[in-house]
Amino acid sequence: LLRARPLSVLVVDGDPDTADSLAEVLAYHGHAARAAGSGEEVLGEPGQPDVVILDVRLPGMDGWELARRLRGRDKPPLVVAVTGCGRPADLARSAEAGVHLH
């Protein structure tokens, strides 16, 4: 079985149990994963993750604004929205913000 290289993954969710659980699953599969609870926390941390998995309904700065700001970095990460927001308008908003997968 061919495996890709381990990735640096940041899971961002306002619910600590959700963020921590997903980060643990990713770490179990060999990735360097950590959890954050808000967009402000992410922007205040050093380092550039390869992938950011986020909920768009975050406390404070929403996930769409976080995606916009991450897109402006020197090495923007792949951004994946894992959310219950699935209306066509939400999908369009994600595309506009720079979310790669919704």
C-alpha atoms as a PDB file:
ATOM      1  CA  LEU A   1       0.000   0.000   0.000  1.00  0.00           C
ATOM      2  CA  LEU A   2       1.458   3.346  -1.105  1.00  0.00           C
ATOM      3  CA  ARG A   3       1.151   6.080   1.527  1.00  0.00           C
ATOM      4  CA  ALA A   4       1.523   9.800   1.006  1.00  0.00           C
ATOM      5  CA  ARG A   5       3.913  11.748   3.192  1.00  0.00           C
ATOM      6  CA  PRO A   6       2.579  12.824   6.588  1.00  0.00           C
ATOM      7  CA  LEU A   7       0.892  16.216   6.500  1.00  0.00           C
ATOM      8  CA  SER A   8       0.773  19.071   8.951  1.00  0.00           C
ATOM      9  CA  VAL A   9      -2.949  19.469   9.655  1.00  0.00           C
ATOM     10  CA  LEU A  10      -4.736  22.105  11.706  1.00  0.00           C
ATOM     11  CA  VAL A  11      -8.322  21.351  12.765  1.00  0.00           C
ATOM     12  CA  VAL A  12     -10.332  24.470  13.645  1.00  0.00           C
ATOM     13  CA  ASP A  13     -13.678  24.091  15.401  1.00  0.00           C
ATOM     14  CA  GLY A  14     -15.366  26.048  18.171  1.00  0.00           C
ATOM     15  CA  ASP A  15     -16.227  22.774  19.908  1.00  0.00           C
ATOM     16  CA  PRO A  16     -13.013  21.532  21.546  1.00  0.00           C
ATOM     17  CA  ASP A  17     -14.225  17.908  21.625  1.00  0.00           C
ATOM     18  CA  THR A  18     -14.830  17.935  17.871  1.00  0.00           C
ATOM     19  CA  ALA A  19     -11.490  19.579  17.060  1.00  0.00           C
ATOM     20  CA  ASP A  20      -9.502  17.372  19.425  1.00  0.00           C
ATOM     21  CA  SER A  21     -11.186  14.155  18.261  1.00  0.00           C
ATOM     22  CA  LEU A  22     -10.519  14.817  14.577  1.00  0.00           C
ATOM     23  CA  ALA A  23      -6.922  15.848  15.332  1.00  0.00           C
ATOM     24  CA  GLU A  24      -6.439  12.574  17.254  1.00  0.00           C
ATOM     25  CA  VAL A  25      -7.786  10.504  14.349  1.00  0.00           C
ATOM     26  CA  LEU A  26      -5.440  12.273  11.938  1.00  0.00           C
ATOM     27  CA  ALA A  27      -2.475  11.803  14.297  1.00  0.00           C
ATOM     28  CA  TYR A  28      -3.322   8.108  14.596  1.00  0.00           C
ATOM     29  CA  HIS A  29      -2.970   7.904  10.806  1.00  0.00           C
ATOM     30  CA  GLY A  30       0.493   9.465  10.937  1.00  0.00           C
ATOM     31  CA  HIS A  31      -0.169  13.155  10.384  1.00  0.00           C
ATOM     32  CA  ALA A  32       1.092  16.003  12.562  1.00  0.00           C
ATOM     33  CA  ALA A  33      -2.309  17.277  13.656  1.00  0.00           C
ATOM     34  CA  ARG A  34      -3.333  19.866  16.191  1.00  0.00           C
ATOM     35  CA  ALA A  35      -6.551  21.600  17.161  1.00  0.00           C
ATOM     36  CA  ALA A  36      -7.552  25.246  17.484  1.00  0.00           C
ATOM     37  CA  GLY A  37     -10.810  26.802  18.642  1.00  0.00           C
ATOM     38  CA  SER A  38     -10.984  30.060  16.661  1.00  0.00           C
ATOM     39  CA  GLY A  39      -9.679  31.909  13.646  1.00  0.00           C
ATOM     40  CA  GLU A  40      -7.913  34.408  15.853  1.00  0.00           C
ATOM     41  CA  GLU A  41      -6.026  31.579  17.540  1.00  0.00           C
ATOM     42  CA  VAL A  42      -4.919  30.235  14.148  1.00  0.00           C
ATOM     43  CA  LEU A  43      -3.669  33.589  12.875  1.00  0.00           C
ATOM     44  CA  GLY A  44      -1.755  34.192  16.097  1.00  0.00           C
ATOM     45  CA  GLU A  45       0.235  30.954  15.830  1.00  0.00           C
ATOM     46  CA  PRO A  46       3.519  30.568  13.948  1.00  0.00           C
ATOM     47  CA  GLY A  47       3.911  27.908  11.301  1.00  0.00           C
ATOM     48  CA  GLN A  48       2.211  27.016   8.059  1.00  0.00           C
ATOM     49  CA  PRO A  49       0.096  23.855   8.067  1.00  0.00           C
ATOM     50  CA  ASP A  50      -0.299  21.905   4.838  1.00  0.00           C
ATOM     51  CA  VAL A  51      -4.041  21.505   5.438  1.00  0.00           C
ATOM     52  CA  VAL A  52      -6.620  23.389   7.489  1.00  0.00           C
ATOM     53  CA  ILE A  53      -9.891  21.612   8.244  1.00  0.00           C
ATOM     54  CA  LEU A  54     -12.434  24.047   9.580  1.00  0.00           C
ATOM     55  CA  ASP A  55     -16.021  24.638  10.506  1.00  0.00           C
ATOM     56  CA  VAL A  56     -17.321  27.838   8.938  1.00  0.00           C
ATOM     57  CA  ARG A  57     -19.387  28.680  12.032  1.00  0.00           C
ATOM     58  CA  LEU A  58     -16.585  29.640  14.390  1.00  0.00           C
ATOM     59  CA  PRO A  59     -16.775  31.968  17.385  1.00  0.00           C
ATOM     60  CA  GLY A  60     -15.540  35.454  16.504  1.00  0.00           C
ATOM     61  CA  MET A  61     -14.035  35.378  13.013  1.00  0.00           C
ATOM     62  CA  ASP A  62     -15.986  32.909  10.885  1.00  0.00           C
ATOM     63  CA  GLY A  63     -14.322  30.185   8.830  1.00  0.00           C
ATOM     64  CA  TRP A  64     -14.880  32.022   5.563  1.00  0.00           C
ATOM     65  CA  GLU A  65     -12.895  35.028   6.800  1.00  0.00           C
ATOM     66  CA  LEU A  66     -10.195  32.718   8.127  1.00  0.00           C
ATOM     67  CA  ALA A  67      -9.965  31.041   4.701  1.00  0.00           C
ATOM     68  CA  ARG A  68      -9.580  34.460   3.030  1.00  0.00           C
ATOM     69  CA  ARG A  69      -6.745  35.387   5.366  1.00  0.00           C
ATOM     70  CA  LEU A  70      -4.998  32.043   4.973  1.00  0.00           C
ATOM     71  CA  ARG A  71      -5.202  32.413   1.198  1.00  0.00           C
ATOM     72  CA  GLY A  72      -3.041  35.550   1.498  1.00  0.00           C
ATOM     73  CA  ARG A  73      -0.129  33.744   3.163  1.00  0.00           C
ATOM     74  CA  ASP A  74       3.158  32.975   1.388  1.00  0.00           C
ATOM     75  CA  LYS A  75       2.356  29.258   1.384  1.00  0.00           C
ATOM     76  CA  PRO A  76      -1.441  28.997   1.612  1.00  0.00           C
ATOM     77  CA  PRO A  77      -2.737  25.688   2.963  1.00  0.00           C
ATOM     78  CA  LEU A  78      -5.361  23.460   1.410  1.00  0.00           C
ATOM     79  CA  VAL A  79      -8.581  24.507   3.173  1.00  0.00           C
ATOM     80  CA  VAL A  80     -11.362  21.999   3.761  1.00  0.00           C
ATOM     81  CA  ALA A  81     -14.713  23.024   5.254  1.00  0.00           C
ATOM     82  CA  VAL A  82     -16.378  20.346   7.361  1.00  0.00           C
ATOM     83  CA  THR A  83     -19.686  21.922   8.257  1.00  0.00           C
ATOM     84  CA  GLY A  84     -23.422  21.543   8.360  1.00  0.00           C
ATOM     85  CA  CYS A  85     -23.753  24.641   6.159  1.00  0.00           C
ATOM     86  CA  GLY A  86     -24.586  23.118   2.795  1.00  0.00           C
ATOM     87  CA  ARG A  87     -26.970  25.467   1.014  1.00  0.00           C
ATOM     88  CA  PRO A  88     -25.948  26.662  -2.450  1.00  0.00           C
ATOM     89  CA  ALA A  89     -25.209  30.105  -0.983  1.00  0.00           C
ATOM     90  CA  ASP A  90     -22.847  28.512   1.563  1.00  0.00           C
ATOM     91  CA  LEU A  91     -21.008  26.621  -1.179  1.00  0.00           C
ATOM     92  CA  ALA A  92     -20.655  29.821  -3.205  1.00  0.00           C
ATOM     93  CA  ARG A  93     -19.402  31.692  -0.160  1.00  0.00           C
ATOM     94  CA  SER A  94     -16.810  28.983   0.459  1.00  0.00           C
ATOM     95  CA  ALA A  95     -15.591  29.127  -3.147  1.00  0.00           C
ATOM     96  CA  GLU A  96     -15.284  32.926  -2.961  1.00  0.00           C
ATOM     97  CA  ALA A  97     -13.334  32.697   0.321  1.00  0.00           C
ATOM     98  CA  GLY A  98     -10.823  30.228  -1.097  1.00  0.00           C
ATOM     99  CA  VAL A  99     -12.079  27.017   0.491  1.00  0.00           C
ATOM    100  CA  HIS A 100     -10.837  24.152  -1.705  1.00  0.00           C
ATOM    101  CA  LEU A 101     -13.300  21.479  -0.559  1.00  0.00           C
ATOM    102  CA  HIS A 102     -16.686  21.995   1.095  1.00  0.00           C
END
